Amino acid sequence: MPKIRITKQFNFETGHALYGYDGKCRNVHGHSYKLAVTVIGTPIEDTDNVKYGMVIDFGDLKKIVKEEIVDVFDHATVFNQNTPHVELAKELKERGHHVILVDYQPTSENMVIDFANKIKRRLPHGIDLYALRLQETESSYAEWYQSDNL
């Protein structure tokens, strides 16, 4: 049976700041992120299976990505926990803001690596993460491909 790629797109709003960066992005700011998640597998051949003909139900893929990424990062502010931004994060949390502390610089490149690891852990047997595309602005995005990371 041929391998088929399935892609689902997601949108979420997230703020961040890049500590130590030499440009404007050192300031707290936000993006309307677009995340395209592509998985690869073979369509189910069992005619008695309710998912017959599907690689993965789009709803099942949506559930994974929403739980691991969208519901966590949407309307949150992300800071590197290993920088002085941890003090700002503490202040924001005390004021009721949703803050995420990560162990990396929260660039699109590092976020897409984090997202790939989270999604791969949740995919059913026989379905692999093929690619992610995290679009930060209309003209800027980071891509992760499994073939580049073997």
Protein backbone atom coordinates (compact mmCIF):
# COMPACT_ATOMS: atom_id res chain seq x y z
CA MET A 1 0.00 0.00 0.00
CA PRO A 2 1.38 3.44 -0.85
CA LYS A 3 2.43 5.86 1.85
CA ILE A 4 0.21 8.94 2.11
CA ARG A 5 0.93 12.27 3.82
CA ILE A 6 -1.86 13.97 5.75
CA THR A 7 -1.60 17.63 6.80
CA LYS A 8 -3.67 19.61 9.28
CA GLN A 9 -3.20 23.32 10.02
CA PHE A 10 -3.57 25.10 13.35
CA ASN A 11 -3.50 28.72 14.52
CA PHE A 12 -2.56 30.15 17.91
CA GLU A 13 -1.39 33.42 19.43
CA THR A 14 1.77 33.43 21.53
CA GLY A 15 4.05 36.06 23.01
CA HIS A 16 7.76 35.68 23.63
CA ALA A 17 11.02 37.55 24.04
CA LEU A 18 14.52 36.55 22.97
CA TYR A 19 16.90 37.29 25.81
CA GLY A 20 20.28 38.61 24.65
CA TYR A 21 19.14 39.09 21.07
CA ASP A 22 20.53 42.16 19.27
CA GLY A 23 17.30 43.20 17.54
CA LYS A 24 13.72 44.22 18.31
CA CYS A 25 12.71 40.68 19.27
CA ARG A 26 14.54 41.07 22.58
CA ASN A 27 11.37 42.94 23.63
CA VAL A 28 8.24 41.06 24.65
CA HIS A 29 6.02 40.76 21.57
CA GLY A 30 3.61 38.29 20.01
CA HIS A 31 2.83 36.41 16.85
CA SER A 32 -0.18 34.84 15.19
CA TYR A 33 1.43 31.46 14.59
CA LYS A 34 0.31 29.02 11.91
CA LEU A 35 1.38 25.43 12.41
CA ALA A 36 1.10 22.83 9.64
CA VAL A 37 1.49 19.25 10.87
CA THR A 38 2.14 16.53 8.29
CA VAL A 39 2.11 12.84 9.17
CA ILE A 40 2.78 9.86 6.92
CA GLY A 41 1.39 6.34 6.90
CA THR A 42 -0.64 3.85 4.92
CA PRO A 43 -4.43 4.03 4.75
CA ILE A 44 -6.22 1.45 6.90
CA GLU A 45 -7.20 -1.53 4.70
CA ASP A 46 -9.49 -3.32 7.18
CA THR A 47 -13.02 -2.80 5.81
CA ASP A 48 -14.49 -3.48 9.27
CA ASN A 49 -12.49 -0.62 10.82
CA VAL A 50 -14.52 2.58 11.18
CA LYS A 51 -11.41 4.48 10.01
CA TYR A 52 -11.16 2.37 6.82
CA GLY A 53 -9.28 4.27 4.10
CA MET A 54 -7.72 6.80 6.50
CA VAL A 55 -4.09 7.20 7.47
CA ILE A 56 -5.29 8.93 10.64
CA ASP A 57 -8.59 10.56 11.43
CA PHE A 58 -8.10 14.34 11.13
CA GLY A 59 -10.00 14.61 14.43
CA ASP A 60 -7.48 12.33 16.16
CA LEU A 61 -4.57 14.38 14.82
CA LYS A 62 -6.34 17.57 15.91
CA LYS A 63 -6.79 16.19 19.45
CA ILE A 64 -3.06 15.42 19.76
CA VAL A 65 -1.89 18.80 18.46
CA LYS A 66 -4.45 20.79 20.44
CA GLU A 67 -3.56 19.05 23.70
CA GLU A 68 0.22 19.19 23.21
CA ILE A 69 0.64 22.57 21.46
CA VAL A 70 -2.36 24.80 20.78
CA ASP A 71 -4.10 24.60 24.16
CA VAL A 72 -0.76 25.03 25.94
CA PHE A 73 0.78 27.85 23.89
CA ASP A 74 -2.30 29.83 22.81
CA HIS A 75 -2.35 33.23 24.51
CA ALA A 76 0.71 32.36 26.59
CA THR A 77 4.02 34.17 26.89
CA VAL A 78 7.12 32.02 26.47
CA PHE A 79 10.47 32.75 28.09
CA ASN A 80 13.76 30.89 28.36
CA GLN A 81 13.93 29.72 31.98
CA ASN A 82 17.72 30.02 31.97
CA THR A 83 17.74 33.82 31.60
CA PRO A 84 16.82 36.82 33.76
CA HIS A 85 13.41 36.71 32.03
CA VAL A 86 12.52 34.25 34.77
CA GLU A 87 11.97 37.26 37.06
CA LEU A 88 9.57 38.85 34.56
CA ALA A 89 7.82 35.50 34.18
CA LYS A 90 7.33 35.28 37.94
CA GLU A 91 5.84 38.77 38.06
CA LEU A 92 3.47 38.04 35.17
CA LYS A 93 2.36 34.74 36.73
CA GLU A 94 1.63 36.51 40.01
CA ARG A 95 -0.60 38.90 38.04
CA GLY A 96 -2.54 35.99 36.53
CA HIS A 97 -0.85 35.72 33.13
CA HIS A 98 -0.27 32.40 31.38
CA VAL A 99 3.51 32.01 31.18
CA ILE A 100 5.52 29.08 29.86
CA LEU A 101 9.15 28.64 30.85
CA VAL A 102 11.17 26.51 28.44
CA ASP A 103 14.78 25.35 28.52
CA TYR A 104 15.60 26.90 25.15
CA GLN A 105 15.61 30.28 23.43
CA PRO A 106 11.96 30.53 22.20
CA THR A 107 12.73 31.08 18.51
CA SER A 108 10.57 29.52 15.82
CA GLU A 109 13.41 27.11 15.13
CA ASN A 110 13.55 25.83 18.69
CA MET A 111 9.78 25.85 19.13
CA VAL A 112 9.31 23.65 16.06
CA ILE A 113 11.85 21.14 17.46
CA ASP A 114 9.97 21.10 20.77
CA PHE A 115 6.64 20.65 18.99
CA ALA A 116 8.00 17.79 16.88
CA ASN A 117 9.14 15.91 19.98
CA LYS A 118 5.78 16.40 21.70
CA ILE A 119 3.73 15.29 18.70
CA LYS A 120 5.91 12.26 17.86
CA ARG A 121 5.36 10.83 21.35
CA ARG A 122 1.58 10.85 20.86
CA LEU A 123 1.20 9.44 17.34
CA PRO A 124 -0.30 5.94 16.99
CA HIS A 125 1.87 3.02 15.93
CA GLY A 126 2.48 3.01 12.17
CA ILE A 127 2.07 6.75 11.76
CA ASP A 128 5.15 8.96 11.67
CA LEU A 129 5.60 12.69 11.87
CA TYR A 130 6.79 13.75 8.43
CA ALA A 131 7.10 17.54 8.72
CA LEU A 132 6.15 20.63 10.68
CA ARG A 133 5.98 24.19 9.43
CA LEU A 134 5.70 26.94 12.03
CA GLN A 135 4.88 30.26 10.42
CA GLU A 136 5.69 33.23 12.63
CA THR A 137 4.79 36.02 10.19
CA GLU A 138 3.41 36.19 6.67
CA SER A 139 6.92 35.87 5.25
CA SER A 140 8.86 33.94 7.91
CA TYR A 141 8.66 30.32 9.01
CA ALA A 142 10.71 27.42 10.34
CA GLU A 143 10.37 23.88 9.03
CA TRP A 144 11.21 20.52 10.60
CA TYR A 145 11.49 17.37 8.48
CA GLN A 146 11.93 13.87 9.86
CA SER A 147 14.26 13.05 6.95
CA ASP A 148 16.65 15.78 8.15
CA ASN A 149 16.68 14.34 11.67
CA LEU A 150 17.45 10.64 11.24
